[in-house]
Amino acid sequence: MQRMKGQKTGWIATGVALAALCVAPPSFATPKSSAPPAAPAIAKGEPTDVDADFTIHVGGLLFIQGRFSAMLDSDTYRLAANMGTAGTTRRFYPADYKLTSEGRLADESVKPRHYVSDSTSRDSARVVTMTYGKDGMPRLSAEPPYDPGDLGDVMPSLQQGTQDPVSAFLMPVAASENPCKRTIPVFDGKRRYDLKLAYEGTKEMTPRGLGKPVAAIVCTIRYVAIAPVEKRKFTDMLRRNDDMKVWLAPFDGGRVYMPVRFQLRTPLGGAVMELTSIRERTASRDPATKTAMK
């Protein structure tokens, strides 16, 4: 398949990445709380694996089907999301996305080391790789290369210390911290933006694929374009979006929070990701796996 620039594919991939870890809507909800609950006690023990199958519906129609996995060790992580258009959408717009990210877990932050985005549609495809140095600067490569000037507005100083769009939704916390109280600087290989999270409330919910209730923290998300500031319908919609929200639940003994629901508006209607199955388990790593994650 010819590999070429695809603006539509790029923005779908960005939107999917924002929702890449989401799961089912709540079956039971308690009233909002004005203050976040205390974080659960953090237990650092055996490695944890999380696997989930999910769907994304847009405007009530099936749009994406995919699978997400997370490997969490004491100080490292590896995330992967494989997804593609589905149902009627795939008949008119076949597209597939493979996203991976790995890096280091700090007490309250994520330090990515390597990120790959491989997107393919009927008329475009591109592989983007970012490798992060100790200074937090991503070294970018793309195949096919971006057009000259595509990254002209994203100066190196804006890229340093950023997260890729997959690791952006893995949120380590100290025992007393609120996971919503943060601004996440993101660089996806072409666009630089901030995700500003603010606490809205807490809800007791039972994701359909989890089968047990969890106490979720609800954050509002504000998308702030840093560079380039594009005047496109989807970009403007993200900037003006007043109902983009994420529901976060504790995993890995409370050491990290990950989304268990996500919603936003798109030009095609409201988008919601829904879990079809999820598995969290204690894992044992062979030496080769541990070495690969370091």
Protein backbone atom coordinates (compact mmCIF):
# COMPACT_ATOMS: atom_id res chain seq x y z
CA MET A 1 0.00 0.00 0.00
CA GLN A 2 1.26 3.44 -0.85
CA ARG A 3 2.49 5.33 2.18
CA MET A 4 1.51 8.95 2.09
CA LYS A 5 0.36 11.79 4.24
CA GLY A 6 -3.22 11.40 5.50
CA GLN A 7 -4.65 14.28 7.50
CA LYS A 8 -7.90 12.44 8.22
CA THR A 9 -6.04 9.34 9.40
CA GLY A 10 -3.79 11.45 11.63
CA TRP A 11 -6.66 13.13 13.41
CA ILE A 12 -8.63 9.91 13.81
CA ALA A 13 -5.50 8.36 15.35
CA THR A 14 -5.15 11.35 17.68
CA GLY A 15 -8.77 11.06 18.75
CA VAL A 16 -8.43 7.34 19.26
CA ALA A 17 -5.27 7.84 21.30
CA LEU A 18 -7.15 10.21 23.60
CA ALA A 19 -9.62 7.40 24.22
CA ALA A 20 -7.30 4.42 23.90
CA LEU A 21 -7.68 3.12 27.45
CA CYS A 22 -11.39 3.67 28.04
CA VAL A 23 -13.97 1.11 29.07
CA ALA A 24 -17.66 0.78 29.89
CA PRO A 25 -20.17 3.36 31.14
CA PRO A 26 -21.26 3.10 34.79
CA SER A 27 -24.15 0.87 35.78
CA PHE A 28 -24.50 2.69 39.11
CA ALA A 29 -23.46 6.19 40.08
CA THR A 30 -23.34 8.03 43.38
CA PRO A 31 -23.71 11.82 43.62
CA LYS A 32 -20.70 13.96 42.91
CA SER A 33 -18.33 14.81 45.73
CA SER A 34 -16.81 18.26 46.06
CA ALA A 35 -13.40 16.87 47.05
CA PRO A 36 -11.44 13.92 45.73
CA PRO A 37 -11.27 10.82 47.94
CA ALA A 38 -8.07 9.81 49.60
CA ALA A 39 -5.88 7.75 47.31
CA PRO A 40 -5.76 4.06 48.18
CA ALA A 41 -2.75 2.63 49.92
CA ILE A 42 -0.04 1.96 47.37
CA ALA A 43 1.22 -1.60 47.29
CA LYS A 44 4.38 -2.16 45.29
CA GLY A 45 4.71 -5.86 44.82
CA GLU A 46 4.59 -8.29 41.95
CA PRO A 47 4.28 -7.03 38.37
CA THR A 48 0.75 -6.36 37.11
CA ASP A 49 -0.75 -7.07 33.68
CA VAL A 50 -3.96 -5.45 32.45
CA ASP A 51 -5.69 -6.52 29.23
CA ALA A 52 -8.90 -5.13 27.80
CA ASP A 53 -11.03 -5.46 24.68
CA PHE A 54 -13.08 -2.42 23.78
CA THR A 55 -15.32 -0.73 21.26
CA ILE A 56 -15.73 2.93 20.40
CA HIS A 57 -19.12 4.17 19.25
CA VAL A 58 -19.45 7.54 17.52
CA GLY A 59 -22.90 9.02 17.13
CA GLY A 60 -24.31 5.72 18.36
CA LEU A 61 -22.67 3.69 15.58
CA LEU A 62 -19.84 1.20 16.00
CA PHE A 63 -16.66 2.92 14.86
CA ILE A 64 -13.63 1.17 16.37
CA GLN A 65 -12.87 -2.24 17.86
CA GLY A 66 -9.61 -2.87 19.64
CA ARG A 67 -7.50 -4.42 22.36
CA PHE A 68 -5.34 -2.72 24.97
CA SER A 69 -2.64 -4.19 27.20
CA ALA A 70 -0.46 -2.79 29.97
CA MET A 71 2.58 -4.40 31.62
CA LEU A 72 3.48 -2.66 34.87
CA ASP A 73 6.62 -3.44 36.83
CA SER A 74 8.05 -1.70 39.88
CA ASP A 75 9.46 1.19 37.87
CA THR A 76 8.70 0.45 34.20
CA TYR A 77 5.69 0.12 31.92
CA ARG A 78 4.79 -1.10 28.46
CA LEU A 79 1.50 -0.17 26.80
CA ALA A 80 0.03 -1.41 23.52
CA ALA A 81 -3.23 -0.66 21.71
CA ASN A 82 -4.29 -2.37 18.48
CA MET A 83 -7.50 -1.15 16.89
CA GLY A 84 -9.31 -0.72 13.62
CA THR A 85 -12.48 0.68 12.16
CA ALA A 86 -15.39 -1.75 12.42
CA GLY A 87 -18.91 -2.41 11.26
CA THR A 88 -20.36 -0.14 8.59
CA THR A 89 -17.54 2.35 9.15
CA ARG A 90 -14.96 -0.15 7.93
CA ARG A 91 -16.82 -0.68 4.66
CA PHE A 92 -16.40 3.00 3.81
CA TYR A 93 -13.18 3.81 5.66
CA PRO A 94 -10.94 0.81 6.42
CA ALA A 95 -8.19 1.84 8.81
CA ASP A 96 -5.97 0.16 11.40
CA TYR A 97 -3.83 1.58 14.20
CA LYS A 98 -1.05 0.05 16.27
CA LEU A 99 0.25 2.16 19.15
CA THR A 100 2.95 1.14 21.63
CA SER A 101 4.75 3.03 24.37
CA GLU A 102 7.24 2.00 27.01
CA GLY A 103 9.13 3.88 29.66
CA ARG A 104 9.73 4.50 33.33
CA LEU A 105 7.28 5.11 36.17
CA ALA A 106 8.20 7.83 38.65
CA ASP A 107 6.27 8.65 41.83
CA GLU A 108 3.94 11.12 40.11
CA SER A 109 4.94 11.12 36.44
CA VAL A 110 5.60 9.00 33.37
CA LYS A 111 8.93 9.13 31.53
CA PRO A 112 8.49 7.57 28.07
CA ARG A 113 11.47 5.95 26.37
CA HIS A 114 10.07 4.64 23.09
CA TYR A 115 6.83 5.21 21.18
CA VAL A 116 5.59 3.83 17.85
CA SER A 117 2.44 4.75 15.95
CA ASP A 118 1.65 2.67 12.87
CA SER A 119 -1.49 3.86 11.06
CA THR A 120 -2.86 2.52 7.79
CA SER A 121 -5.97 3.42 5.83
CA ARG A 122 -7.20 2.89 2.30
CA ASP A 123 -5.27 5.87 0.91
CA SER A 124 -2.57 6.64 3.46
CA ALA A 125 -0.18 5.06 5.92
CA ARG A 126 2.63 6.23 8.17
CA VAL A 127 4.89 4.85 10.89
CA VAL A 128 6.03 7.40 13.49
CA THR A 129 8.74 6.51 16.01
CA MET A 130 9.94 8.60 18.93
CA THR A 131 12.90 7.63 21.12
CA TYR A 132 13.45 9.73 24.24
CA GLY A 133 16.85 10.71 25.57
CA LYS A 134 17.75 11.20 29.21
CA ASP A 135 17.06 14.89 28.71
CA GLY A 136 13.43 14.10 27.87
CA MET A 137 13.84 15.16 24.23
CA PRO A 138 12.09 12.89 21.68
CA ARG A 139 14.09 11.87 18.62
CA LEU A 140 11.53 11.62 15.84
CA SER A 141 11.47 9.58 12.66
CA ALA A 142 8.58 9.07 10.25
CA GLU A 143 8.10 6.85 7.22
CA PRO A 144 7.16 8.32 4.85
CA PRO A 145 8.77 11.53 6.12
CA TYR A 146 6.61 14.52 6.89
CA ASP A 147 6.50 17.27 4.31
CA PRO A 148 9.04 20.09 4.73
CA GLY A 149 7.70 22.64 7.16
CA ASP A 150 5.21 20.29 8.85
CA LEU A 151 7.11 20.58 12.15
CA GLY A 152 8.26 24.15 11.68
CA ASP A 153 6.03 25.46 14.48
CA VAL A 154 6.90 22.68 16.96
CA MET A 155 10.25 23.96 18.14
CA PRO A 156 12.58 21.57 20.04
CA SER A 157 12.01 23.55 23.22
CA LEU A 158 8.29 22.68 23.00
CA GLN A 159 8.99 18.96 22.55
CA GLN A 160 11.28 18.49 25.56
CA GLY A 161 9.70 16.86 28.59
CA THR A 162 6.54 15.80 26.75
CA GLN A 163 4.68 12.50 26.78
CA ASP A 164 3.43 10.50 23.83
CA PRO A 165 -0.39 10.26 23.46
CA VAL A 166 -0.52 6.67 24.79
CA SER A 167 1.57 7.10 27.95
CA ALA A 168 -0.31 10.35 28.63
CA PHE A 169 -3.19 8.41 30.21
CA LEU A 170 -1.07 6.33 32.57
CA MET A 171 -1.06 8.42 35.75
CA PRO A 172 1.20 7.52 38.66
CA VAL A 173 0.26 9.13 41.97
CA ALA A 174 1.77 9.62 45.36
CA ALA A 175 -0.45 8.36 48.18
CA SER A 176 -1.93 11.80 48.89
CA GLU A 177 -2.25 13.10 45.33
CA ASN A 178 -5.34 13.65 43.20
CA PRO A 179 -4.77 12.19 39.70
CA CYS A 180 -6.90 14.95 38.15
CA LYS A 181 -4.61 17.69 39.43
CA ARG A 182 -2.19 17.83 36.52
CA THR A 183 -1.42 19.21 33.09
CA ILE A 184 -0.08 16.62 30.65
CA PRO A 185 2.21 17.97 27.89
CA VAL A 186 1.77 15.79 24.78
CA PHE A 187 3.69 15.58 21.50
CA ASP A 188 2.31 13.03 19.02
CA GLY A 189 5.08 13.42 16.44
CA LYS A 190 3.41 16.31 14.65
CA ARG A 191 1.26 18.27 17.10
CA ARG A 192 2.12 19.69 20.51
CA TYR A 193 -0.75 20.19 22.94
CA ASP A 194 -1.57 20.19 26.65
CA LEU A 195 -4.30 18.15 28.33
CA LYS A 196 -5.45 20.07 31.41
CA LEU A 197 -7.26 17.87 33.91
CA ALA A 198 -9.50 19.19 36.67
CA TYR A 199 -11.42 17.30 39.34
CA GLU A 200 -15.21 17.15 38.87
CA GLY A 201 -16.42 14.45 41.25
CA THR A 202 -16.34 10.81 42.27
CA LYS A 203 -18.59 7.97 41.16
CA GLU A 204 -19.10 4.36 42.13
CA MET A 205 -19.36 2.40 38.90
CA THR A 206 -19.29 -1.17 37.64
CA PRO A 207 -17.65 -1.36 34.21
CA ARG A 208 -19.39 -4.10 32.24
CA GLY A 209 -16.16 -5.91 31.43
CA LEU A 210 -14.75 -5.72 34.96
CA GLY A 211 -17.72 -7.25 36.77
CA LYS A 212 -17.06 -5.51 40.08
CA PRO A 213 -17.63 -1.98 41.37
CA VAL A 214 -14.80 0.53 41.42
CA ALA A 215 -14.55 4.01 42.88
CA ALA A 216 -13.78 6.24 39.91
CA ILE A 217 -12.55 9.81 39.95
CA VAL A 218 -14.08 12.00 37.23
CA CYS A 219 -11.86 14.59 35.56
CA THR A 220 -12.77 17.18 32.99
CA ILE A 221 -10.20 17.57 30.21
CA ARG A 222 -9.39 20.75 28.36
CA TYR A 223 -7.40 20.47 25.13
CA VAL A 224 -4.95 23.35 24.65
CA ALA A 225 -3.22 23.53 21.26
CA ILE A 226 0.39 24.70 21.60
CA ALA A 227 1.76 24.24 18.08
CA PRO A 228 0.71 24.38 15.36
CA VAL A 229 -2.53 26.22 16.12
CA GLU A 230 -4.57 24.75 13.28
CA LYS A 231 -7.84 26.23 12.10
CA ARG A 232 -9.71 23.02 11.40
CA LYS A 233 -13.11 21.84 12.49
CA PHE A 234 -11.86 19.00 14.70
CA THR A 235 -9.10 21.12 16.29
CA ASP A 236 -11.51 23.97 17.02
CA MET A 237 -14.00 21.48 18.45
CA LEU A 238 -11.39 20.07 20.83
CA ARG A 239 -10.44 23.56 22.00
CA ARG A 240 -14.09 24.46 22.65
CA ASN A 241 -15.14 21.06 24.00
CA ASP A 242 -16.81 21.53 27.38
CA ASP A 243 -17.85 17.93 27.99
CA MET A 244 -14.63 15.98 27.41
CA LYS A 245 -14.32 13.82 30.51
CA VAL A 246 -12.38 10.84 31.76
CA TRP A 247 -13.25 8.44 34.59
CA LEU A 248 -10.13 7.16 36.38
CA ALA A 249 -9.82 4.05 38.55
CA PRO A 250 -6.82 2.75 40.53
CA PHE A 251 -4.80 -0.21 39.25
CA ASP A 252 -1.59 -1.92 40.31
CA GLY A 253 -2.45 -1.66 44.01
CA GLY A 254 -3.39 2.02 43.67
CA ARG A 255 -0.01 3.09 42.29
CA VAL A 256 -1.39 4.20 38.93
CA TYR A 257 -4.74 5.42 37.66
CA MET A 258 -6.06 4.56 34.21
CA PRO A 259 -9.26 5.58 32.40
CA VAL A 260 -12.31 3.35 32.79
CA ARG A 261 -14.52 5.64 30.71
CA PHE A 262 -13.94 8.47 28.26
CA GLN A 263 -16.25 10.72 26.29
CA LEU A 264 -15.86 13.59 23.86
CA ARG A 265 -17.65 15.26 20.99
CA THR A 266 -16.56 14.73 17.40
CA PRO A 267 -17.83 16.23 14.13
CA LEU A 268 -19.76 12.96 13.68
CA GLY A 269 -21.37 12.96 17.14
CA GLY A 270 -20.53 11.94 20.69
CA ALA A 271 -17.77 9.34 21.07
CA VAL A 272 -17.76 6.81 23.93
CA MET A 273 -15.44 3.87 24.46
CA GLU A 274 -16.96 0.75 25.99
CA LEU A 275 -15.23 -2.22 27.54
CA THR A 276 -16.20 -5.71 26.40
CA SER A 277 -13.73 -7.52 28.70
CA ILE A 278 -10.93 -6.67 31.12
CA ARG A 279 -8.42 -8.74 33.05
CA GLU A 280 -6.07 -7.51 35.78
CA ARG A 281 -3.68 -10.09 37.19
CA THR A 282 -0.42 -10.50 39.04
CA ALA A 283 2.25 -11.50 36.56
CA SER A 284 5.62 -13.17 36.66
CA ARG A 285 8.28 -11.91 34.29
CA ASP A 286 11.01 -14.00 32.74
CA PRO A 287 14.45 -12.37 32.66
CA ALA A 288 14.16 -11.53 28.95
CA THR A 289 10.92 -9.57 29.52
CA LYS A 290 12.35 -7.67 32.47
CA THR A 291 15.47 -6.77 30.51
CA ALA A 292 13.40 -5.57 27.53
CA MET A 293 11.39 -3.21 29.73
CA LYS A 294 14.41 -1.60 31.35
